[in-house]
Amino acid sequence: MNPMTKFTRLVHSEKTLLCDAVNSGCRAD
């Protein structure tokens, strides 16, 4: 994640992706 541009990229998913952080940001971040 880029906090300045809010750009998020999925680098690796070990199983089925259950998080929509790619499209709508991440609360943990």
PDB file of all heavy atoms in Angstrom:
ATOM      1  N   MET A   1       0.831  -1.205   0.000  1.00  0.00           N
ATOM      2  CA  MET A   1       0.000   0.000   0.000  1.00  0.00           C
ATOM      3  C   MET A   1       0.862   1.251   0.000  1.00  0.00           C
ATOM      4  O   MET A   1       1.929   1.286   0.613  1.00  0.00           O
ATOM      5  CB  MET A   1      -0.922  -0.003   1.225  1.00  0.00           C
ATOM      6  CG  MET A   1      -1.889  -1.174   1.253  1.00  0.00           C
ATOM      7  SD  MET A   1      -3.081  -1.054   2.572  1.00  0.00           S
ATOM      8  CE  MET A   1      -4.106  -2.490   2.205  1.00  0.00           C
ATOM      9  N   ASN A   2       0.353   2.269  -0.689  1.00  0.00           N
ATOM     10  CA  ASN A   2       1.005   3.578  -0.719  1.00  0.00           C
ATOM     11  C   ASN A   2       0.118   4.546   0.050  1.00  0.00           C
ATOM     12  O   ASN A   2      -0.932   4.959  -0.445  1.00  0.00           O
ATOM     13  CB  ASN A   2       1.194   4.056  -2.154  1.00  0.00           C
ATOM     14  CG  ASN A   2       2.023   5.324  -2.235  1.00  0.00           C
ATOM     15  OD1 ASN A   2       2.011   6.143  -1.315  1.00  0.00           O
ATOM     16  ND2 ASN A   2       2.738   5.487  -3.342  1.00  0.00           N
ATOM     17  N   PRO A   3       0.483   4.939   1.289  1.00  0.00           N
ATOM     18  CA  PRO A   3      -0.370   5.824   2.083  1.00  0.00           C
ATOM     19  C   PRO A   3      -0.580   7.194   1.438  1.00  0.00           C
ATOM     20  O   PRO A   3      -1.572   7.870   1.724  1.00  0.00           O
ATOM     21  CB  PRO A   3       0.395   5.956   3.406  1.00  0.00           C
ATOM     22  CG  PRO A   3       1.328   4.799   3.441  1.00  0.00           C
ATOM     23  CD  PRO A   3       1.686   4.534   2.015  1.00  0.00           C
ATOM     24  N   MET A   4       0.337   7.609   0.565  1.00  0.00           N
ATOM     25  CA  MET A   4       0.245   8.936  -0.036  1.00  0.00           C
ATOM     26  C   MET A   4      -0.757   8.959  -1.192  1.00  0.00           C
ATOM     27  O   MET A   4      -1.555   9.896  -1.328  1.00  0.00           O
ATOM     28  CB  MET A   4       1.627   9.384  -0.519  1.00  0.00           C
ATOM     29  CG  MET A   4       2.667   9.411   0.600  1.00  0.00           C
ATOM     30  SD  MET A   4       4.326   9.810   0.021  1.00  0.00           S
ATOM     31  CE  MET A   4       4.102  11.527  -0.452  1.00  0.00           C
ATOM     32  N   THR A   5      -0.748   7.924  -2.007  1.00  0.00           N
ATOM     33  CA  THR A   5      -1.649   7.890  -3.174  1.00  0.00           C
ATOM     34  C   THR A   5      -2.864   7.003  -2.922  1.00  0.00           C
ATOM     35  O   THR A   5      -3.765   6.948  -3.766  1.00  0.00           O
ATOM     36  CB  THR A   5      -0.890   7.366  -4.402  1.00  0.00           C
ATOM     37  OG1 THR A   5      -0.491   6.019  -4.163  1.00  0.00           O
ATOM     38  CG2 THR A   5       0.343   8.205  -4.683  1.00  0.00           C
ATOM     39  N   LYS A   6      -2.884   6.278  -1.762  1.00  0.00           N
ATOM     40  CA  LYS A   6      -3.955   5.334  -1.427  1.00  0.00           C
ATOM     41  C   LYS A   6      -4.011   4.155  -2.397  1.00  0.00           C
ATOM     42  O   LYS A   6      -5.011   3.448  -2.460  1.00  0.00           O
ATOM     43  CB  LYS A   6      -5.326   6.034  -1.399  1.00  0.00           C
ATOM     44  CG  LYS A   6      -5.383   7.264  -0.518  1.00  0.00           C
ATOM     45  CD  LYS A   6      -4.998   6.924   0.915  1.00  0.00           C
ATOM     46  CE  LYS A   6      -5.040   8.174   1.792  1.00  0.00           C
ATOM     47  NZ  LYS A   6      -4.577   7.884   3.179  1.00  0.00           N
ATOM     48  N   PHE A   7      -2.938   3.953  -3.150  1.00  0.00           N
ATOM     49  CA  PHE A   7      -2.900   2.830  -4.093  1.00  0.00           C
ATOM     50  C   PHE A   7      -2.637   1.543  -3.316  1.00  0.00           C
ATOM     51  O   PHE A   7      -1.753   1.477  -2.455  1.00  0.00           O
ATOM     52  CB  PHE A   7      -1.806   3.043  -5.135  1.00  0.00           C
ATOM     53  CG  PHE A   7      -1.589   1.850  -6.036  1.00  0.00           C
ATOM     54  CD1 PHE A   7      -2.464   1.583  -7.061  1.00  0.00           C
ATOM     55  CD2 PHE A   7      -0.512   1.000  -5.839  1.00  0.00           C
ATOM     56  CE1 PHE A   7      -2.278   0.486  -7.885  1.00  0.00           C
ATOM     57  CE2 PHE A   7      -0.312  -0.096  -6.659  1.00  0.00           C
ATOM     58  CZ  PHE A   7      -1.205  -0.349  -7.680  1.00  0.00           C
ATOM     59  N   THR A   8      -3.416   0.491  -3.623  1.00  0.00           N
ATOM     60  CA  THR A   8      -3.297  -0.810  -2.952  1.00  0.00           C
ATOM     61  C   THR A   8      -3.098  -1.895  -4.002  1.00  0.00           C
ATOM     62  O   THR A   8      -3.830  -1.933  -5.001  1.00  0.00           O
ATOM     63  CB  THR A   8      -4.547  -1.117  -2.124  1.00  0.00           C
ATOM     64  OG1 THR A   8      -4.742  -0.071  -1.162  1.00  0.00           O
ATOM     65  CG2 THR A   8      -4.404  -2.453  -1.395  1.00  0.00           C
ATOM     66  N   ARG A   9      -2.138  -2.767  -3.739  1.00  0.00           N
ATOM     67  CA  ARG A   9      -1.874  -3.868  -4.680  1.00  0.00           C
ATOM     68  C   ARG A   9      -1.777  -5.175  -3.909  1.00  0.00           C
ATOM     69  O   ARG A   9      -1.096  -5.254  -2.890  1.00  0.00           O
ATOM     70  CB  ARG A   9      -0.576  -3.620  -5.443  1.00  0.00           C
ATOM     71  CG  ARG A   9      -0.241  -4.725  -6.445  1.00  0.00           C
ATOM     72  CD  ARG A   9       0.921  -4.317  -7.339  1.00  0.00           C
ATOM     73  NE  ARG A   9       2.181  -4.342  -6.653  1.00  0.00           N
ATOM     74  CZ  ARG A   9       2.989  -5.404  -6.580  1.00  0.00           C
ATOM     75  NH1 ARG A   9       2.610  -6.546  -7.133  1.00  0.00           N
ATOM     76  NH2 ARG A   9       4.150  -5.335  -5.945  1.00  0.00           N
ATOM     77  N   LEU A  10      -2.485  -6.185  -4.404  1.00  0.00           N
ATOM     78  CA  LEU A  10      -2.367  -7.517  -3.823  1.00  0.00           C
ATOM     79  C   LEU A  10      -1.076  -8.155  -4.324  1.00  0.00           C
ATOM     80  O   LEU A  10      -0.898  -8.381  -5.510  1.00  0.00           O
ATOM     81  CB  LEU A  10      -3.569  -8.376  -4.221  1.00  0.00           C
ATOM     82  CG  LEU A  10      -3.512  -9.845  -3.750  1.00  0.00           C
ATOM     83  CD1 LEU A  10      -3.586  -9.922  -2.237  1.00  0.00           C
ATOM     84  CD2 LEU A  10      -4.627 -10.658  -4.396  1.00  0.00           C
ATOM     85  N   VAL A  11      -0.183  -8.465  -3.398  1.00  0.00           N
ATOM     86  CA  VAL A  11       1.097  -9.081  -3.753  1.00  0.00           C
ATOM     87  C   VAL A  11       0.982 -10.597  -3.781  1.00  0.00           C
ATOM     88  O   VAL A  11       1.502 -11.260  -4.676  1.00  0.00           O
ATOM     89  CB  VAL A  11       2.199  -8.637  -2.766  1.00  0.00           C
ATOM     90  CG1 VAL A  11       3.510  -9.367  -3.064  1.00  0.00           C
ATOM     91  CG2 VAL A  11       2.393  -7.139  -2.828  1.00  0.00           C
ATOM     92  N   HIS A  12       0.270 -11.152  -2.785  1.00  0.00           N
ATOM     93  CA  HIS A  12       0.181 -12.615  -2.702  1.00  0.00           C
ATOM     94  C   HIS A  12      -1.098 -12.999  -1.976  1.00  0.00           C
ATOM     95  O   HIS A  12      -1.484 -12.380  -0.975  1.00  0.00           O
ATOM     96  CB  HIS A  12       1.378 -13.192  -1.943  1.00  0.00           C
ATOM     97  CG  HIS A  12       1.316 -14.681  -1.788  1.00  0.00           C
ATOM     98  ND1 HIS A  12       1.786 -15.542  -2.741  1.00  0.00           N
ATOM     99  CD2 HIS A  12       0.827 -15.464  -0.785  1.00  0.00           C
ATOM    100  CE1 HIS A  12       1.597 -16.782  -2.344  1.00  0.00           C
ATOM    101  NE2 HIS A  12       1.007 -16.766  -1.159  1.00  0.00           N
ATOM    102  N   SER A  13      -1.753 -14.037  -2.478  1.00  0.00           N
ATOM    103  CA  SER A  13      -2.922 -14.618  -1.815  1.00  0.00           C
ATOM    104  C   SER A  13      -2.719 -16.126  -1.762  1.00  0.00           C
ATOM    105  O   SER A  13      -2.660 -16.785  -2.791  1.00  0.00           O
ATOM    106  CB  SER A  13      -4.206 -14.274  -2.586  1.00  0.00           C
ATOM    107  OG  SER A  13      -5.328 -14.841  -1.941  1.00  0.00           O
ATOM    108  N   GLU A  14      -2.585 -16.676  -0.545  1.00  0.00           N
ATOM    109  CA  GLU A  14      -2.298 -18.100  -0.394  1.00  0.00           C
ATOM    110  C   GLU A  14      -3.529 -18.953  -0.720  1.00  0.00           C
ATOM    111  O   GLU A  14      -3.398 -20.049  -1.231  1.00  0.00           O
ATOM    112  CB  GLU A  14      -1.834 -18.374   1.045  1.00  0.00           C
ATOM    113  CG  GLU A  14      -1.298 -19.754   1.283  1.00  0.00           C
ATOM    114  CD  GLU A  14       0.068 -19.994   0.654  1.00  0.00           C
ATOM    115  OE1 GLU A  14       0.641 -19.060   0.056  1.00  0.00           O
ATOM    116  OE2 GLU A  14       0.569 -21.137   0.751  1.00  0.00           O
ATOM    117  N   LYS A  15      -4.698 -18.435  -0.395  1.00  0.00           N
ATOM    118  CA  LYS A  15      -5.939 -19.114  -0.742  1.00  0.00           C
ATOM    119  C   LYS A  15      -6.890 -18.095  -1.346  1.00  0.00           C
ATOM    120  O   LYS A  15      -6.463 -17.061  -1.853  1.00  0.00           O
ATOM    121  CB  LYS A  15      -6.561 -19.778   0.492  1.00  0.00           C
ATOM    122  CG  LYS A  15      -5.860 -21.069   0.927  1.00  0.00           C
ATOM    123  CD  LYS A  15      -6.641 -21.767   2.026  1.00  0.00           C
ATOM    124  CE  LYS A  15      -5.988 -23.097   2.389  1.00  0.00           C
ATOM    125  NZ  LYS A  15      -6.723 -23.789   3.477  1.00  0.00           N
ATOM    126  N   THR A  16      -8.200 -18.377  -1.303  1.00  0.00           N
ATOM    127  CA  THR A  16      -9.187 -17.453  -1.856  1.00  0.00           C
ATOM    128  C   THR A  16      -9.142 -16.124  -1.102  1.00  0.00           C
ATOM    129  O   THR A  16      -9.139 -16.094   0.130  1.00  0.00           O
ATOM    130  CB  THR A  16     -10.597 -18.061  -1.762  1.00  0.00           C
ATOM    131  OG1 THR A  16     -10.600 -19.313  -2.426  1.00  0.00           O
ATOM    132  CG2 THR A  16     -11.619 -17.145  -2.407  1.00  0.00           C
ATOM    133  N   LEU A  17      -9.115 -15.024  -1.832  1.00  0.00           N
ATOM    134  CA  LEU A  17      -9.047 -13.700  -1.225  1.00  0.00           C
ATOM    135  C   LEU A  17     -10.384 -13.371  -0.578  1.00  0.00           C
ATOM    136  O   LEU A  17     -11.423 -13.344  -1.241  1.00  0.00           O
ATOM    137  CB  LEU A  17      -8.696 -12.649  -2.291  1.00  0.00           C
ATOM    138  CG  LEU A  17      -8.560 -11.215  -1.780  1.00  0.00           C
ATOM    139  CD1 LEU A  17      -7.390 -11.132  -0.814  1.00  0.00           C
ATOM    140  CD2 LEU A  17      -8.364 -10.254  -2.944  1.00  0.00           C
ATOM    141  N   LEU A  18     -10.355 -13.102   0.738  1.00  0.00           N
ATOM    142  CA  LEU A  18     -11.580 -12.788   1.468  1.00  0.00           C
ATOM    143  C   LEU A  18     -11.622 -11.328   1.915  1.00  0.00           C
ATOM    144  O   LEU A  18     -12.471 -10.946   2.708  1.00  0.00           O
ATOM    145  CB  LEU A  18     -11.700 -13.695   2.699  1.00  0.00           C
ATOM    146  CG  LEU A  18     -11.822 -15.197   2.413  1.00  0.00           C
ATOM    147  CD1 LEU A  18     -11.878 -15.975   3.709  1.00  0.00           C
ATOM    148  CD2 LEU A  18     -13.053 -15.480   1.568  1.00  0.00           C
ATOM    149  N   CYS A  19     -10.694 -10.512   1.388  1.00  0.00           N
ATOM    150  CA  CYS A  19     -10.609  -9.111   1.798  1.00  0.00           C
ATOM    151  C   CYS A  19     -10.715  -8.218   0.566  1.00  0.00           C
ATOM    152  O   CYS A  19     -10.087  -8.482  -0.460  1.00  0.00           O
ATOM    153  CB  CYS A  19      -9.292  -8.870   2.535  1.00  0.00           C
ATOM    154  SG  CYS A  19      -9.020  -7.154   2.989  1.00  0.00           S
ATOM    155  N   ASP A  20     -11.507  -7.133   0.682  1.00  0.00           N
ATOM    156  CA  ASP A  20     -11.706  -6.215  -0.446  1.00  0.00           C
ATOM    157  C   ASP A  20     -10.815  -4.984  -0.330  1.00  0.00           C
ATOM    158  O   ASP A  20     -11.175  -3.906  -0.797  1.00  0.00           O
ATOM    159  CB  ASP A  20     -13.182  -5.790  -0.499  1.00  0.00           C
ATOM    160  CG  ASP A  20     -13.528  -5.150  -1.837  1.00  0.00           C
ATOM    161  OD1 ASP A  20     -12.889  -5.518  -2.843  1.00  0.00           O
ATOM    162  OD2 ASP A  20     -14.401  -4.268  -1.858  1.00  0.00           O
ATOM    163  N   ALA A  21      -9.653  -5.148   0.307  1.00  0.00           N
ATOM    164  CA  ALA A  21      -8.768  -4.003   0.524  1.00  0.00           C
ATOM    165  C   ALA A  21      -8.250  -3.423  -0.782  1.00  0.00           C
ATOM    166  O   ALA A  21      -7.932  -2.231  -0.864  1.00  0.00           O
ATOM    167  CB  ALA A  21      -7.589  -4.413   1.400  1.00  0.00           C
ATOM    168  N   VAL A  22      -8.155  -4.256  -1.840  1.00  0.00           N
ATOM    169  CA  VAL A  22      -7.623  -3.775  -3.119  1.00  0.00           C
ATOM    170  C   VAL A  22      -8.485  -2.649  -3.678  1.00  0.00           C
ATOM    171  O   VAL A  22      -7.976  -1.660  -4.217  1.00  0.00           O
ATOM    172  CB  VAL A  22      -7.527  -4.931  -4.135  1.00  0.00           C
ATOM    173  CG1 VAL A  22      -7.169  -4.404  -5.510  1.00  0.00           C
ATOM    174  CG2 VAL A  22      -6.496  -5.942  -3.667  1.00  0.00           C
ATOM    175  N   ASN A  23      -9.792  -2.762  -3.522  1.00  0.00           N
ATOM    176  CA  ASN A  23     -10.694  -1.794  -4.137  1.00  0.00           C
ATOM    177  C   ASN A  23     -11.114  -0.671  -3.207  1.00  0.00           C
ATOM    178  O   ASN A  23     -11.469   0.410  -3.676  1.00  0.00           O
ATOM    179  CB  ASN A  23     -11.957  -2.514  -4.637  1.00  0.00           C
ATOM    180  CG  ASN A  23     -11.639  -3.535  -5.708  1.00  0.00           C
ATOM    181  OD1 ASN A  23     -10.865  -3.265  -6.610  1.00  0.00           O
ATOM    182  ND2 ASN A  23     -12.235  -4.717  -5.604  1.00  0.00           N
ATOM    183  N   SER A  24     -11.072  -0.915  -1.885  1.00  0.00           N
ATOM    184  CA  SER A  24     -11.624   0.095  -0.990  1.00  0.00           C
ATOM    185  C   SER A  24     -10.739   0.431   0.200  1.00  0.00           C
ATOM    186  O   SER A  24     -11.208   0.969   1.186  1.00  0.00           O
ATOM    187  CB  SER A  24     -12.996  -0.375  -0.483  1.00  0.00           C
ATOM    188  OG  SER A  24     -12.898  -1.671   0.079  1.00  0.00           O
ATOM    189  N   GLY A  25      -9.461   0.115   0.125  1.00  0.00           N
ATOM    190  CA  GLY A  25      -8.549   0.477   1.191  1.00  0.00           C
ATOM    191  C   GLY A  25      -8.534  -0.519   2.335  1.00  0.00           C
ATOM    192  O   GLY A  25      -9.300  -1.472   2.362  1.00  0.00           O
ATOM    193  N   CYS A  26      -7.657  -0.276   3.326  1.00  0.00           N
ATOM    194  CA  CYS A  26      -7.436  -1.229   4.423  1.00  0.00           C
ATOM    195  C   CYS A  26      -7.539  -0.507   5.762  1.00  0.00           C
ATOM    196  O   CYS A  26      -6.861   0.503   5.995  1.00  0.00           O
ATOM    197  CB  CYS A  26      -6.070  -1.884   4.280  1.00  0.00           C
ATOM    198  SG  CYS A  26      -5.652  -2.996   5.634  1.00  0.00           S
ATOM    199  N   ARG A  27      -8.374  -1.044   6.643  1.00  0.00           N
ATOM    200  CA  ARG A  27      -8.552  -0.438   7.961  1.00  0.00           C
ATOM    201  C   ARG A  27      -7.290  -0.584   8.810  1.00  0.00           C
ATOM    202  O   ARG A  27      -6.923   0.311   9.563  1.00  0.00           O
ATOM    203  CB  ARG A  27      -9.750  -1.094   8.657  1.00  0.00           C
ATOM    204  CG  ARG A  27     -10.071  -0.433   9.991  1.00  0.00           C
ATOM    205  CD  ARG A  27     -11.373  -0.943  10.558  1.00  0.00           C
ATOM    206  NE  ARG A  27     -11.632  -0.276  11.829  1.00  0.00           N
ATOM    207  CZ  ARG A  27     -11.975  -0.891  12.939  1.00  0.00           C
ATOM    208  NH1 ARG A  27     -12.122  -2.197  12.926  1.00  0.00           N
ATOM    209  NH2 ARG A  27     -12.213  -0.223  14.038  1.00  0.00           N
ATOM    210  N   ALA A  28      -6.638  -1.743   8.718  1.00  0.00           N
ATOM    211  CA  ALA A  28      -5.413  -1.955   9.499  1.00  0.00           C
ATOM    212  C   ALA A  28      -4.342  -0.943   9.124  1.00  0.00           C
ATOM    213  O   ALA A  28      -3.592  -0.466   9.977  1.00  0.00           O
ATOM    214  CB  ALA A  28      -4.892  -3.377   9.281  1.00  0.00           C
ATOM    215  N   ASP A  29      -4.267  -0.583   7.832  1.00  0.00           N
ATOM    216  CA  ASP A  29      -3.274   0.389   7.394  1.00  0.00           C
ATOM    217  C   ASP A  29      -3.605   1.784   7.917  1.00  0.00           C
ATOM    218  O   ASP A  29      -2.712   2.563   8.253  1.00  0.00           O
ATOM    219  CB  ASP A  29      -3.183   0.388   5.867  1.00  0.00           C
ATOM    220  CG  ASP A  29      -1.975   1.158   5.365  1.00  0.00           C
ATOM    221  OD1 ASP A  29      -0.870   0.944   5.900  1.00  0.00           O
ATOM    222  OD2 ASP A  29      -2.133   2.001   4.459  1.00  0.00           O
TER     223      ASP A  29
END
